[in-house]
Amino acid sequence: MYHLTEILAVIVLPIMFVWLIVRKKMNETNQRTQILLAAIEKNPDMDIEELMKKISRNGKLLKEKLLTKLLWGCLTTLLGIGLIGFGIFLGENQLGGTDDPMTAICFGLISLGVGIAFLVNYFVGKKMLAKEIEAEEKGVTEQA
């Protein structure tokens, strides 16, 4: 029974998660398509490109995307440091046998690596996209 739970957690849950995300995006696309078709039926002379801009999701600005990477980098780095500290605590106090401290340290190292990758991505992206971010901010202020 224990192995069945592991199989479900490792294989089925990620597949279900991806399926739900894909299903949500497909539903959004289908709804936009229905809106466009209804608008075209009612008024065939309508400017379709303008309507598509109005009903499409507004993408995030580059600065917002970079700040999201900074947020996730900080969160996963702190989670990694916490898990490593927890693993060391378990190992020093001889709690949880021999597997629990190593498991916590391994997951901590993975989380720490992912967090550092997000932080590096943020700082490199910030430096490389400085001109684009500035131009994007000028465009947003001109529209307002």
C-alpha atoms as a PDB file:
ATOM      1  CA  MET A   1       0.000   0.000   0.000  1.00  0.00           C
ATOM      2  CA  TYR A   2       2.874   2.344   0.804  1.00  0.00           C
ATOM      3  CA  HIS A   3       4.405   1.871  -2.652  1.00  0.00           C
ATOM      4  CA  LEU A   4       1.091   2.625  -4.350  1.00  0.00           C
ATOM      5  CA  THR A   5       0.947   5.962  -2.542  1.00  0.00           C
ATOM      6  CA  GLU A   6       4.477   6.795  -3.688  1.00  0.00           C
ATOM      7  CA  ILE A   7       3.618   5.940  -7.286  1.00  0.00           C
ATOM      8  CA  LEU A   8       0.540   8.138  -7.144  1.00  0.00           C
ATOM      9  CA  ALA A   9       2.457  11.028  -5.632  1.00  0.00           C
ATOM     10  CA  VAL A  10       5.382  10.835  -8.038  1.00  0.00           C
ATOM     11  CA  ILE A  11       3.654  10.022 -11.314  1.00  0.00           C
ATOM     12  CA  VAL A  12      -0.052  10.797 -11.223  1.00  0.00           C
ATOM     13  CA  LEU A  13      -0.054  14.132  -9.363  1.00  0.00           C
ATOM     14  CA  PRO A  14       2.342  15.957 -11.735  1.00  0.00           C
ATOM     15  CA  ILE A  15       0.421  14.623 -14.732  1.00  0.00           C
ATOM     16  CA  MET A  16      -2.869  15.838 -13.252  1.00  0.00           C
ATOM     17  CA  PHE A  17      -1.335  19.221 -12.471  1.00  0.00           C
ATOM     18  CA  VAL A  18      -0.121  19.702 -16.053  1.00  0.00           C
ATOM     19  CA  TRP A  19      -3.441  18.464 -17.440  1.00  0.00           C
ATOM     20  CA  LEU A  20      -5.387  20.995 -15.359  1.00  0.00           C
ATOM     21  CA  ILE A  21      -3.174  23.875 -16.509  1.00  0.00           C
ATOM     22  CA  VAL A  22      -3.462  22.882 -20.168  1.00  0.00           C
ATOM     23  CA  ARG A  23      -7.233  22.468 -19.811  1.00  0.00           C
ATOM     24  CA  LYS A  24      -7.560  25.943 -18.287  1.00  0.00           C
ATOM     25  CA  LYS A  25      -5.597  27.541 -21.130  1.00  0.00           C
ATOM     26  CA  MET A  26      -7.641  25.688 -23.746  1.00  0.00           C
ATOM     27  CA  ASN A  27     -10.879  26.889 -22.140  1.00  0.00           C
ATOM     28  CA  GLU A  28      -9.631  30.495 -22.146  1.00  0.00           C
ATOM     29  CA  THR A  29      -8.697  30.221 -25.812  1.00  0.00           C
ATOM     30  CA  ASN A  30     -12.055  28.684 -26.706  1.00  0.00           C
ATOM     31  CA  GLN A  31     -13.904  31.471 -24.887  1.00  0.00           C
ATOM     32  CA  ARG A  32     -11.934  34.145 -26.760  1.00  0.00           C
ATOM     33  CA  THR A  33     -12.670  32.382 -30.043  1.00  0.00           C
ATOM     34  CA  GLN A  34     -16.405  32.288 -29.290  1.00  0.00           C
ATOM     35  CA  ILE A  35     -16.390  35.994 -28.455  1.00  0.00           C
ATOM     36  CA  LEU A  36     -14.597  36.815 -31.726  1.00  0.00           C
ATOM     37  CA  LEU A  37     -16.953  34.679 -33.794  1.00  0.00           C
ATOM     38  CA  ALA A  38     -20.025  36.259 -32.189  1.00  0.00           C
ATOM     39  CA  ALA A  39     -18.622  39.750 -32.784  1.00  0.00           C
ATOM     40  CA  ILE A  40     -17.856  38.960 -36.428  1.00  0.00           C
ATOM     41  CA  GLU A  41     -21.361  37.569 -36.968  1.00  0.00           C
ATOM     42  CA  LYS A  42     -22.989  40.699 -35.559  1.00  0.00           C
ATOM     43  CA  ASN A  43     -20.695  43.192 -37.281  1.00  0.00           C
ATOM     44  CA  PRO A  44     -18.563  41.820 -40.147  1.00  0.00           C
ATOM     45  CA  ASP A  45     -16.962  45.237 -40.818  1.00  0.00           C
ATOM     46  CA  MET A  46     -15.447  45.393 -37.334  1.00  0.00           C
ATOM     47  CA  ASP A  47     -11.684  45.820 -36.810  1.00  0.00           C
ATOM     48  CA  ILE A  48     -10.719  42.321 -35.651  1.00  0.00           C
ATOM     49  CA  GLU A  49      -7.189  43.175 -34.579  1.00  0.00           C
ATOM     50  CA  GLU A  50      -8.391  45.891 -32.219  1.00  0.00           C
ATOM     51  CA  LEU A  51     -10.970  43.546 -30.713  1.00  0.00           C
ATOM     52  CA  MET A  52      -8.330  40.859 -30.230  1.00  0.00           C
ATOM     53  CA  LYS A  53      -6.115  43.330 -28.385  1.00  0.00           C
ATOM     54  CA  LYS A  54      -9.010  44.242 -26.107  1.00  0.00           C
ATOM     55  CA  ILE A  55      -9.966  40.683 -25.174  1.00  0.00           C
ATOM     56  CA  SER A  56      -6.474  39.234 -24.981  1.00  0.00           C
ATOM     57  CA  ARG A  57      -4.764  38.955 -21.661  1.00  0.00           C
ATOM     58  CA  ASN A  58      -2.408  41.784 -20.938  1.00  0.00           C
ATOM     59  CA  GLY A  59       1.062  40.349 -20.668  1.00  0.00           C
ATOM     60  CA  LYS A  60       3.241  41.209 -17.764  1.00  0.00           C
ATOM     61  CA  LEU A  61       5.848  43.873 -18.189  1.00  0.00           C
ATOM     62  CA  LEU A  62       9.479  42.788 -18.239  1.00  0.00           C
ATOM     63  CA  LYS A  63      10.027  44.391 -14.861  1.00  0.00           C
ATOM     64  CA  GLU A  64       7.126  42.419 -13.365  1.00  0.00           C
ATOM     65  CA  LYS A  65       8.511  39.177 -14.801  1.00  0.00           C
ATOM     66  CA  LEU A  66      11.934  39.906 -13.349  1.00  0.00           C
ATOM     67  CA  LEU A  67      10.461  40.758  -9.960  1.00  0.00           C
ATOM     68  CA  THR A  68       8.558  37.468  -9.999  1.00  0.00           C
ATOM     69  CA  LYS A  69      11.855  35.662 -10.595  1.00  0.00           C
ATOM     70  CA  LEU A  70      13.396  37.574  -7.707  1.00  0.00           C
ATOM     71  CA  LEU A  71      10.486  36.561  -5.472  1.00  0.00           C
ATOM     72  CA  TRP A  72      10.735  32.876  -6.387  1.00  0.00           C
ATOM     73  CA  GLY A  73      14.516  33.003  -6.073  1.00  0.00           C
ATOM     74  CA  CYS A  74      14.311  34.392  -2.558  1.00  0.00           C
ATOM     75  CA  LEU A  75      11.594  31.935  -1.517  1.00  0.00           C
ATOM     76  CA  THR A  76      13.315  28.823  -2.836  1.00  0.00           C
ATOM     77  CA  THR A  77      16.711  29.913  -1.526  1.00  0.00           C
ATOM     78  CA  LEU A  78      15.306  30.475   1.958  1.00  0.00           C
ATOM     79  CA  LEU A  79      13.421  27.174   1.764  1.00  0.00           C
ATOM     80  CA  GLY A  80      16.649  25.414   0.784  1.00  0.00           C
ATOM     81  CA  ILE A  81      18.605  26.994   3.613  1.00  0.00           C
ATOM     82  CA  GLY A  82      15.816  26.067   6.033  1.00  0.00           C
ATOM     83  CA  LEU A  83      15.727  22.457   4.868  1.00  0.00           C
ATOM     84  CA  ILE A  84      19.503  22.141   5.087  1.00  0.00           C
ATOM     85  CA  GLY A  85      19.414  23.595   8.598  1.00  0.00           C
ATOM     86  CA  PHE A  86      16.591  21.234   9.538  1.00  0.00           C
ATOM     87  CA  GLY A  87      18.550  18.267   8.176  1.00  0.00           C
ATOM     88  CA  ILE A  88      21.625  19.289  10.142  1.00  0.00           C
ATOM     89  CA  PHE A  89      19.481  19.702  13.254  1.00  0.00           C
ATOM     90  CA  LEU A  90      18.021  16.219  12.797  1.00  0.00           C
ATOM     91  CA  GLY A  91      21.465  14.746  12.208  1.00  0.00           C
ATOM     92  CA  GLU A  92      23.075  16.436  15.202  1.00  0.00           C
ATOM     93  CA  ASN A  93      20.298  15.429  17.593  1.00  0.00           C
ATOM     94  CA  GLN A  94      20.070  11.935  16.068  1.00  0.00           C
ATOM     95  CA  LEU A  95      16.377  12.311  15.326  1.00  0.00           C
ATOM     96  CA  GLY A  96      14.601  10.493  12.504  1.00  0.00           C
ATOM     97  CA  GLY A  97      17.205   7.808  11.944  1.00  0.00           C
ATOM     98  CA  THR A  98      19.764   8.166   9.182  1.00  0.00           C
ATOM     99  CA  ASP A  99      17.459   8.740   6.210  1.00  0.00           C
ATOM    100  CA  ASP A 100      15.490  11.779   7.372  1.00  0.00           C
ATOM    101  CA  PRO A 101      18.450  14.164   7.804  1.00  0.00           C
ATOM    102  CA  MET A 102      19.920  13.200   4.435  1.00  0.00           C
ATOM    103  CA  THR A 103      16.537  13.539   2.728  1.00  0.00           C
ATOM    104  CA  ALA A 104      16.039  17.009   4.185  1.00  0.00           C
ATOM    105  CA  ILE A 105      19.559  18.041   3.188  1.00  0.00           C
ATOM    106  CA  CYS A 106      19.124  16.676  -0.362  1.00  0.00           C
ATOM    107  CA  PHE A 107      15.827  18.505  -0.879  1.00  0.00           C
ATOM    108  CA  GLY A 108      17.409  21.582   0.681  1.00  0.00           C
ATOM    109  CA  LEU A 109      20.310  21.472  -1.757  1.00  0.00           C
ATOM    110  CA  ILE A 110      17.931  21.075  -4.695  1.00  0.00           C
ATOM    111  CA  SER A 111      15.807  23.993  -3.499  1.00  0.00           C
ATOM    112  CA  LEU A 112      18.894  26.089  -2.840  1.00  0.00           C
ATOM    113  CA  GLY A 113      20.171  25.389  -6.361  1.00  0.00           C
ATOM    114  CA  VAL A 114      16.861  26.349  -7.936  1.00  0.00           C
ATOM    115  CA  GLY A 115      16.726  29.519  -5.839  1.00  0.00           C
ATOM    116  CA  ILE A 116      20.233  30.537  -6.807  1.00  0.00           C
ATOM    117  CA  ALA A 117      19.374  29.893 -10.471  1.00  0.00           C
ATOM    118  CA  PHE A 118      16.341  32.204 -10.179  1.00  0.00           C
ATOM    119  CA  LEU A 119      18.441  34.896  -8.494  1.00  0.00           C
ATOM    120  CA  VAL A 120      21.180  34.670 -11.137  1.00  0.00           C
ATOM    121  CA  ASN A 121      18.506  34.816 -13.827  1.00  0.00           C
ATOM    122  CA  TYR A 122      17.047  37.932 -12.198  1.00  0.00           C
ATOM    123  CA  PHE A 123      20.334  39.820 -11.955  1.00  0.00           C
ATOM    124  CA  VAL A 124      21.548  38.830 -15.434  1.00  0.00           C
ATOM    125  CA  GLY A 125      18.137  39.630 -16.932  1.00  0.00           C
ATOM    126  CA  LYS A 126      18.031  42.967 -15.150  1.00  0.00           C
ATOM    127  CA  LYS A 127      21.399  43.915 -16.579  1.00  0.00           C
ATOM    128  CA  MET A 128      20.706  42.641 -20.107  1.00  0.00           C
ATOM    129  CA  LEU A 129      17.183  44.033 -20.396  1.00  0.00           C
ATOM    130  CA  ALA A 130      17.784  47.440 -18.812  1.00  0.00           C
ATOM    131  CA  LYS A 131      17.174  49.325 -22.068  1.00  0.00           C
ATOM    132  CA  GLU A 132      14.047  47.325 -22.919  1.00  0.00           C
ATOM    133  CA  ILE A 133      12.627  47.849 -19.423  1.00  0.00           C
ATOM    134  CA  GLU A 134      13.254  51.583 -19.658  1.00  0.00           C
ATOM    135  CA  ALA A 135      11.592  51.770 -23.090  1.00  0.00           C
ATOM    136  CA  GLU A 136       8.648  49.716 -21.826  1.00  0.00           C
ATOM    137  CA  GLU A 137       8.188  52.033 -18.834  1.00  0.00           C
ATOM    138  CA  LYS A 138       8.234  55.077 -21.133  1.00  0.00           C
ATOM    139  CA  GLY A 139       5.594  53.437 -23.330  1.00  0.00           C
ATOM    140  CA  VAL A 140       3.382  52.718 -20.338  1.00  0.00           C
ATOM    141  CA  THR A 141       3.692  56.267 -18.990  1.00  0.00           C
ATOM    142  CA  GLU A 142       2.878  57.706 -22.433  1.00  0.00           C
ATOM    143  CA  GLN A 143      -0.282  55.575 -22.654  1.00  0.00           C
ATOM    144  CA  ALA A 144      -1.477  56.694 -19.232  1.00  0.00           C
END
